[in-house]
Amino acid sequence: MELPPWFQNAIQSRLEDVTAMIRRQSEQCKLNDEENKAFEAMFSGVDKTLLPGFMEWEDKHHFNRALENERLYLQGMRNGAQLVFALLNGTLPGEKT
């Protein structure tokens, strides 16, 4: 069952709203600060311009994990919507009518 584009857009919009909300939370800000401090401690005294290969890999790694998490979230939303639609119609996927 393919979800309508308006519903997929609504899911994407919700994902963006939740992401923005999480980024503003004090706990997330604290974690970001701790991450930055750990990075600085790991590379203190090292000229970071000499690490372009590592930095490029790290950027790609984090970007890929973010995309993977977004896809997992979206698939979970689709699965939940399909379950709700099936329950409203009185049938579950794989159930014989």
N, C-alpha and C. Protein backbone atom coordinates (compact mmCIF):
# COMPACT_ATOMS: atom_id res chain seq x y z
N MET A 1 0.85 -1.18 0.00
CA MET A 1 0.00 0.00 0.00
C MET A 1 0.89 1.24 0.00
N GLU A 2 0.75 2.06 -1.00
CA GLU A 2 1.52 3.30 -1.10
C GLU A 2 0.75 4.42 -0.40
N LEU A 3 1.48 5.16 0.42
CA LEU A 3 0.84 6.27 1.12
C LEU A 3 0.73 7.47 0.19
N PRO A 4 -0.32 8.24 0.32
CA PRO A 4 -0.50 9.42 -0.55
C PRO A 4 0.61 10.45 -0.31
N PRO A 5 0.97 11.20 -1.35
CA PRO A 5 2.05 12.20 -1.23
C PRO A 5 1.80 13.21 -0.11
N TRP A 6 0.57 13.63 0.10
CA TRP A 6 0.29 14.62 1.14
C TRP A 6 0.63 14.05 2.51
N PHE A 7 0.41 12.73 2.69
CA PHE A 7 0.71 12.10 3.97
C PHE A 7 2.22 11.97 4.15
N GLN A 8 2.93 11.62 3.09
CA GLN A 8 4.38 11.54 3.15
C GLN A 8 4.98 12.92 3.45
N ASN A 9 4.41 13.97 2.86
CA ASN A 9 4.86 15.34 3.14
C ASN A 9 4.60 15.71 4.60
N ALA A 10 3.46 15.26 5.13
CA ALA A 10 3.14 15.53 6.53
C ALA A 10 4.14 14.83 7.45
N ILE A 11 4.50 13.61 7.12
CA ILE A 11 5.49 12.87 7.91
C ILE A 11 6.83 13.60 7.87
N GLN A 12 7.24 14.03 6.66
CA GLN A 12 8.53 14.73 6.51
C GLN A 12 8.52 16.03 7.31
N SER A 13 7.42 16.75 7.26
CA SER A 13 7.32 18.00 8.00
C SER A 13 7.42 17.74 9.51
N ARG A 14 6.76 16.70 9.96
CA ARG A 14 6.82 16.34 11.39
C ARG A 14 8.23 15.97 11.79
N LEU A 15 8.92 15.22 10.95
CA LEU A 15 10.30 14.85 11.22
C LEU A 15 11.17 16.09 11.38
N GLU A 16 11.00 17.05 10.50
CA GLU A 16 11.79 18.29 10.57
C GLU A 16 11.46 19.08 11.84
N ASP A 17 10.18 19.12 12.21
CA ASP A 17 9.78 19.83 13.43
C ASP A 17 10.37 19.17 14.68
N VAL A 18 10.30 17.85 14.74
CA VAL A 18 10.81 17.12 15.89
C VAL A 18 12.32 17.28 15.98
N THR A 19 13.01 17.21 14.85
CA THR A 19 14.47 17.40 14.83
C THR A 19 14.85 18.77 15.35
N ALA A 20 14.16 19.80 14.89
CA ALA A 20 14.45 21.16 15.35
C ALA A 20 14.18 21.29 16.85
N MET A 21 13.10 20.68 17.33
CA MET A 21 12.76 20.75 18.74
C MET A 21 13.84 20.06 19.58
N ILE A 22 14.31 18.89 19.14
CA ILE A 22 15.32 18.15 19.88
C ILE A 22 16.62 18.94 19.95
N ARG A 23 16.98 19.58 18.85
CA ARG A 23 18.23 20.35 18.81
C ARG A 23 18.22 21.51 19.80
N ARG A 24 17.04 22.01 20.14
CA ARG A 24 16.93 23.15 21.06
C ARG A 24 16.86 22.73 22.52
N GLN A 25 16.67 21.45 22.79
CA GLN A 25 16.54 20.99 24.17
C GLN A 25 17.87 21.09 24.89
N SER A 26 17.80 21.46 26.17
CA SER A 26 19.03 21.68 26.95
C SER A 26 19.87 20.41 27.04
N GLU A 27 19.24 19.25 27.15
CA GLU A 27 20.00 18.01 27.23
C GLU A 27 20.80 17.77 25.95
N GLN A 28 20.19 18.04 24.81
CA GLN A 28 20.89 17.86 23.53
C GLN A 28 22.02 18.87 23.39
N CYS A 29 21.77 20.10 23.83
CA CYS A 29 22.84 21.12 23.79
C CYS A 29 24.01 20.69 24.65
N LYS A 30 23.71 20.12 25.82
CA LYS A 30 24.76 19.63 26.71
C LYS A 30 25.56 18.52 26.04
N LEU A 31 24.86 17.59 25.38
CA LEU A 31 25.54 16.50 24.68
C LEU A 31 26.41 17.04 23.54
N ASN A 32 25.91 18.03 22.83
CA ASN A 32 26.70 18.63 21.75
C ASN A 32 27.98 19.28 22.30
N ASP A 33 27.84 19.98 23.43
CA ASP A 33 29.01 20.60 24.07
C ASP A 33 30.03 19.54 24.49
N GLU A 34 29.54 18.45 25.08
CA GLU A 34 30.43 17.37 25.50
C GLU A 34 31.14 16.75 24.29
N GLU A 35 30.41 16.58 23.21
CA GLU A 35 31.00 16.04 21.99
C GLU A 35 32.11 16.96 21.47
N ASN A 36 31.83 18.25 21.45
CA ASN A 36 32.84 19.21 20.98
C ASN A 36 34.07 19.21 21.87
N LYS A 37 33.88 19.13 23.18
CA LYS A 37 35.02 19.08 24.11
C LYS A 37 35.84 17.81 23.90
N ALA A 38 35.16 16.68 23.70
CA ALA A 38 35.87 15.41 23.47
C ALA A 38 36.66 15.48 22.17
N PHE A 39 36.09 16.08 21.16
CA PHE A 39 36.79 16.22 19.88
C PHE A 39 38.04 17.08 20.06
N GLU A 40 37.88 18.20 20.75
CA GLU A 40 39.02 19.09 20.98
C GLU A 40 40.10 18.39 21.79
N ALA A 41 39.71 17.61 22.80
CA ALA A 41 40.69 16.89 23.61
C ALA A 41 41.43 15.85 22.77
N MET A 42 40.70 15.20 21.88
CA MET A 42 41.30 14.15 21.05
C MET A 42 42.32 14.74 20.09
N PHE A 43 42.04 15.93 19.58
CA PHE A 43 42.90 16.53 18.58
C PHE A 43 43.60 17.81 19.06
N SER A 44 43.72 17.96 20.38
CA SER A 44 44.40 19.16 20.87
C SER A 44 45.86 19.11 20.44
N GLY A 45 46.36 20.24 20.01
CA GLY A 45 47.74 20.32 19.56
C GLY A 45 47.98 19.77 18.16
N VAL A 46 46.92 19.31 17.51
CA VAL A 46 47.05 18.77 16.15
C VAL A 46 46.47 19.79 15.18
N ASP A 47 47.17 20.04 14.13
CA ASP A 47 46.68 20.95 13.09
C ASP A 47 45.56 20.23 12.33
N LYS A 48 44.34 20.67 12.56
CA LYS A 48 43.19 20.00 11.97
C LYS A 48 43.15 20.11 10.45
N THR A 49 43.89 21.04 9.90
CA THR A 49 43.93 21.14 8.44
C THR A 49 44.72 19.98 7.84
N LEU A 50 45.46 19.25 8.69
CA LEU A 50 46.19 18.09 8.21
C LEU A 50 45.34 16.82 8.23
N LEU A 51 44.11 16.94 8.65
CA LEU A 51 43.23 15.78 8.77
C LEU A 51 42.06 15.80 7.79
N PRO A 52 42.22 16.28 6.57
CA PRO A 52 41.05 16.40 5.68
C PRO A 52 40.42 15.05 5.34
N GLY A 53 41.23 14.01 5.21
CA GLY A 53 40.67 12.70 4.90
C GLY A 53 39.77 12.20 6.01
N PHE A 54 40.25 12.34 7.25
CA PHE A 54 39.44 11.91 8.39
C PHE A 54 38.17 12.74 8.50
N MET A 55 38.32 14.03 8.35
CA MET A 55 37.15 14.92 8.46
C MET A 55 36.12 14.60 7.38
N GLU A 56 36.59 14.31 6.18
CA GLU A 56 35.67 13.98 5.08
C GLU A 56 34.95 12.67 5.39
N TRP A 57 35.70 11.67 5.88
CA TRP A 57 35.07 10.39 6.23
C TRP A 57 34.05 10.60 7.35
N GLU A 58 34.44 11.36 8.36
CA GLU A 58 33.54 11.58 9.49
C GLU A 58 32.25 12.26 9.05
N ASP A 59 32.35 13.27 8.20
CA ASP A 59 31.16 13.94 7.68
C ASP A 59 30.26 12.97 6.94
N LYS A 60 30.86 12.15 6.08
CA LYS A 60 30.07 11.17 5.33
C LYS A 60 29.45 10.13 6.25
N HIS A 61 30.21 9.71 7.24
CA HIS A 61 29.71 8.72 8.20
C HIS A 61 28.48 9.26 8.94
N HIS A 62 28.59 10.46 9.45
CA HIS A 62 27.47 11.03 10.20
C HIS A 62 26.27 11.31 9.29
N PHE A 63 26.53 11.77 8.10
CA PHE A 63 25.46 12.03 7.15
C PHE A 63 24.72 10.73 6.82
N ASN A 64 25.48 9.65 6.58
CA ASN A 64 24.85 8.36 6.29
C ASN A 64 24.03 7.85 7.46
N ARG A 65 24.54 8.00 8.69
CA ARG A 65 23.78 7.55 9.86
C ARG A 65 22.50 8.37 10.00
N ALA A 66 22.59 9.68 9.74
CA ALA A 66 21.40 10.54 9.84
C ALA A 66 20.36 10.12 8.81
N LEU A 67 20.80 9.84 7.57
CA LEU A 67 19.85 9.39 6.55
C LEU A 67 19.23 8.05 6.93
N GLU A 68 20.03 7.16 7.46
CA GLU A 68 19.53 5.86 7.88
C GLU A 68 18.47 6.03 8.98
N ASN A 69 18.76 6.87 9.96
CA ASN A 69 17.80 7.11 11.04
C ASN A 69 16.52 7.75 10.52
N GLU A 70 16.66 8.68 9.59
CA GLU A 70 15.47 9.31 9.00
C GLU A 70 14.63 8.28 8.26
N ARG A 71 15.27 7.43 7.50
CA ARG A 71 14.53 6.39 6.76
C ARG A 71 13.84 5.42 7.71
N LEU A 72 14.52 5.07 8.80
CA LEU A 72 13.90 4.18 9.79
C LEU A 72 12.68 4.85 10.42
N TYR A 73 12.80 6.12 10.75
CA TYR A 73 11.69 6.86 11.33
C TYR A 73 10.51 6.91 10.35
N LEU A 74 10.81 7.26 9.10
CA LEU A 74 9.75 7.36 8.10
C LEU A 74 9.08 6.02 7.87
N GLN A 75 9.88 4.94 7.83
CA GLN A 75 9.28 3.62 7.64
C GLN A 75 8.41 3.25 8.83
N GLY A 76 8.85 3.61 10.03
CA GLY A 76 8.03 3.36 11.21
C GLY A 76 6.71 4.12 11.16
N MET A 77 6.76 5.37 10.68
CA MET A 77 5.53 6.14 10.52
C MET A 77 4.62 5.49 9.48
N ARG A 78 5.19 5.05 8.37
CA ARG A 78 4.38 4.38 7.34
C ARG A 78 3.74 3.12 7.90
N ASN A 79 4.54 2.33 8.62
CA ASN A 79 4.00 1.10 9.19
C ASN A 79 2.88 1.40 10.17
N GLY A 80 3.07 2.43 10.99
CA GLY A 80 2.02 2.80 11.93
C GLY A 80 0.75 3.26 11.22
N ALA A 81 0.92 4.05 10.16
CA ALA A 81 -0.24 4.52 9.40
C ALA A 81 -0.95 3.35 8.73
N GLN A 82 -0.19 2.43 8.18
CA GLN A 82 -0.81 1.27 7.54
C GLN A 82 -1.58 0.44 8.56
N LEU A 83 -1.03 0.30 9.76
CA LEU A 83 -1.72 -0.43 10.80
C LEU A 83 -3.02 0.27 11.19
N VAL A 84 -2.97 1.59 11.34
CA VAL A 84 -4.18 2.35 11.69
C VAL A 84 -5.22 2.20 10.60
N PHE A 85 -4.81 2.36 9.32
CA PHE A 85 -5.76 2.21 8.22
C PHE A 85 -6.37 0.81 8.20
N ALA A 86 -5.55 -0.20 8.44
CA ALA A 86 -6.04 -1.58 8.44
C ALA A 86 -7.02 -1.80 9.59
N LEU A 87 -6.70 -1.26 10.75
CA LEU A 87 -7.60 -1.41 11.89
C LEU A 87 -8.92 -0.68 11.65
N LEU A 88 -8.85 0.49 11.02
CA LEU A 88 -10.08 1.23 10.72
C LEU A 88 -10.94 0.50 9.69
N ASN A 89 -10.29 -0.25 8.80
CA ASN A 89 -11.02 -1.01 7.78
C ASN A 89 -11.42 -2.39 8.29
N GLY A 90 -10.96 -2.76 9.48
CA GLY A 90 -11.34 -4.03 10.06
C GLY A 90 -10.51 -5.20 9.58
N THR A 91 -9.41 -4.99 8.92
CA THR A 91 -8.54 -6.08 8.48
C THR A 91 -7.10 -5.75 8.80
N LEU A 92 -6.34 -6.77 9.05
CA LEU A 92 -4.91 -6.61 9.29
C LEU A 92 -4.14 -7.16 8.10
N PRO A 93 -2.96 -6.62 7.80
CA PRO A 93 -2.17 -7.15 6.70
C PRO A 93 -1.90 -8.65 6.90
N GLY A 94 -2.07 -9.41 5.83
CA GLY A 94 -1.85 -10.84 5.87
C GLY A 94 -3.06 -11.62 6.37
N GLU A 95 -4.09 -10.92 6.78
CA GLU A 95 -5.30 -11.58 7.28
C GLU A 95 -6.22 -11.89 6.11
N LYS A 96 -6.77 -13.08 6.08
CA LYS A 96 -7.68 -13.47 5.00
C LYS A 96 -9.06 -12.92 5.27
N THR A 97 -9.67 -12.41 4.20
CA THR A 97 -11.02 -11.84 4.37
C THR A 97 -12.08 -12.81 3.91
